[in-house]
Amino acid sequence: MKTIITTKNAPAPIGPYNQAVLTGNTLYTSGQIAFNPETGQLILDDIKTETGQVMQNLKAVLEAADMTFEHVVKSSIFISNMDDFIQINDVYGSYFDDANAPARETVQVAKLPKNVNVEISMIAVK
């Protein structure tokens, strides 16, 4: 059995998917990009600001499932330019305690939705 998780505090899906799916105690988030949920506009000012918006969107989805970043066990980061890795990592890392940070991969891809620079998805367990 699965429960669809939605919140107005994160961007609405732009395709046939949901913000997250909860099955048992495990939450699977869809990839988030830097849409501001209040304005519907992409936040692409710079890579740190863009990554911060992505993380805020993920935070909202986690909260809708009554979870926090402490519950995250796995993250997937997709970036369009590996040269941005250090700045993305700085912002991403500020949301986690190093001792309890989740497993993660970071992959450079040719192109992301809406031509953004970073997309992140997570798996969390409560």
Protein backbone atom coordinates (compact mmCIF):
# COMPACT_ATOMS: atom_id res chain seq x y z
CA MET A 1 0.00 0.00 0.00
CA LYS A 2 1.22 3.49 -0.78
CA THR A 3 0.25 6.94 0.35
CA ILE A 4 0.73 9.93 -1.93
CA ILE A 5 2.39 12.87 -0.16
CA THR A 6 1.62 16.37 -1.39
CA THR A 7 2.18 19.87 -0.04
CA LYS A 8 1.56 23.37 -1.33
CA ASN A 9 4.92 24.32 0.25
CA ALA A 10 6.79 22.58 -2.57
CA PRO A 11 6.31 22.91 -6.33
CA ALA A 12 3.45 21.01 -7.91
CA PRO A 13 4.56 18.21 -10.24
CA ILE A 14 5.11 19.18 -13.87
CA GLY A 15 4.32 15.72 -15.19
CA PRO A 16 2.69 12.39 -14.31
CA TYR A 17 4.28 11.93 -10.88
CA ASN A 18 3.75 12.97 -7.26
CA GLN A 19 5.97 14.94 -4.90
CA ALA A 20 6.53 11.81 -2.82
CA VAL A 21 5.21 8.34 -2.11
CA LEU A 22 5.16 6.80 1.36
CA THR A 23 5.09 3.03 1.62
CA GLY A 24 5.33 1.57 5.09
CA ASN A 25 7.88 3.73 6.89
CA THR A 26 9.80 4.63 3.73
CA LEU A 27 9.37 7.87 1.81
CA TYR A 28 10.51 8.23 -1.79
CA THR A 29 10.67 11.83 -2.98
CA SER A 30 10.57 12.84 -6.59
CA GLY A 31 13.47 14.90 -7.81
CA GLN A 32 13.14 18.54 -6.85
CA ILE A 33 14.38 21.45 -8.90
CA ALA A 34 14.54 25.12 -7.93
CA PHE A 35 10.93 26.15 -8.47
CA ASN A 36 9.72 28.64 -5.90
CA PRO A 37 6.36 27.16 -4.84
CA GLU A 38 4.90 30.59 -4.05
CA THR A 39 5.70 32.22 -7.39
CA GLY A 40 6.06 29.22 -9.69
CA GLN A 41 9.29 30.76 -10.95
CA LEU A 42 12.64 29.03 -11.24
CA ILE A 43 15.37 30.36 -8.94
CA LEU A 44 18.51 30.25 -11.07
CA ASP A 45 20.38 33.32 -9.75
CA ASP A 46 23.49 31.30 -8.87
CA ILE A 47 24.21 27.66 -8.03
CA LYS A 48 24.13 28.15 -4.25
CA THR A 49 20.77 29.93 -4.33
CA GLU A 50 19.42 27.33 -6.75
CA THR A 51 20.58 24.46 -4.52
CA GLY A 52 19.12 26.18 -1.47
CA GLN A 53 15.70 26.34 -3.15
CA VAL A 54 15.93 22.65 -4.06
CA MET A 55 16.73 21.77 -0.44
CA GLN A 56 13.87 23.95 0.85
CA ASN A 57 11.50 22.14 -1.51
CA LEU A 58 12.73 18.78 -0.23
CA LYS A 59 12.36 19.99 3.36
CA ALA A 60 8.71 20.87 2.65
CA VAL A 61 8.05 17.42 1.16
CA LEU A 62 9.71 15.69 4.12
CA GLU A 63 7.67 17.78 6.55
CA ALA A 64 4.46 16.86 4.72
CA ALA A 65 5.31 13.24 5.57
CA ASP A 66 6.12 14.21 9.18
CA MET A 67 9.85 13.69 8.59
CA THR A 68 13.04 15.76 8.61
CA PHE A 69 16.46 15.53 6.99
CA GLU A 70 17.45 13.29 9.93
CA HIS A 71 15.24 10.59 8.39
CA VAL A 72 16.99 10.69 4.99
CA VAL A 73 18.98 7.52 4.27
CA LYS A 74 19.82 8.10 0.59
CA SER A 75 20.15 11.10 -1.72
CA SER A 76 20.67 11.31 -5.46
CA ILE A 77 22.11 14.53 -6.85
CA PHE A 78 22.07 15.21 -10.57
CA ILE A 79 24.08 18.19 -11.79
CA SER A 80 24.70 19.63 -15.23
CA ASN A 81 28.27 20.70 -14.47
CA MET A 82 30.62 18.86 -12.11
CA ASP A 83 32.51 22.14 -11.66
CA ASP A 84 29.56 23.24 -9.47
CA PHE A 85 30.01 20.25 -7.13
CA ILE A 86 31.82 22.10 -4.32
CA GLN A 87 29.21 24.87 -4.10
CA ILE A 88 26.30 22.42 -4.31
CA ASN A 89 27.93 20.22 -1.67
CA ASP A 90 28.39 23.22 0.67
CA VAL A 91 24.68 24.05 0.57
CA TYR A 92 23.54 20.41 0.65
CA GLY A 93 25.87 19.62 3.55
CA SER A 94 24.46 22.46 5.66
CA TYR A 95 21.21 20.48 5.98
CA PHE A 96 22.86 17.41 7.52
CA ASP A 97 24.92 16.44 10.54
CA ASP A 98 28.11 14.89 9.12
CA ALA A 99 27.96 11.98 11.57
CA ASN A 100 24.47 10.98 10.36
CA ALA A 101 24.56 12.12 6.73
CA PRO A 102 22.80 9.80 4.25
CA ALA A 103 24.37 7.68 1.55
CA ARG A 104 24.58 9.61 -1.70
CA GLU A 105 25.66 9.70 -5.30
CA THR A 106 26.31 12.76 -7.41
CA VAL A 107 26.09 12.36 -11.16
CA GLN A 108 26.77 14.83 -13.95
CA VAL A 109 24.10 14.63 -16.64
CA ALA A 110 23.78 16.16 -20.08
CA LYS A 111 20.55 18.04 -19.35
CA LEU A 112 17.97 18.43 -16.60
CA PRO A 113 14.28 19.45 -16.72
CA LYS A 114 13.72 23.12 -17.52
CA ASN A 115 17.49 23.45 -18.11
CA VAL A 116 18.20 23.71 -14.38
CA ASN A 117 21.64 23.02 -12.96
CA VAL A 118 20.76 20.67 -10.09
CA GLU A 119 18.04 18.17 -9.18
CA ILE A 120 17.93 16.16 -5.95
CA SER A 121 15.78 13.26 -4.81
CA MET A 122 15.78 11.45 -1.46
CA ILE A 123 14.70 8.32 0.34
CA ALA A 124 13.79 8.71 4.01
CA VAL A 125 12.82 6.15 6.65
CA LYS A 126 10.93 6.82 9.86
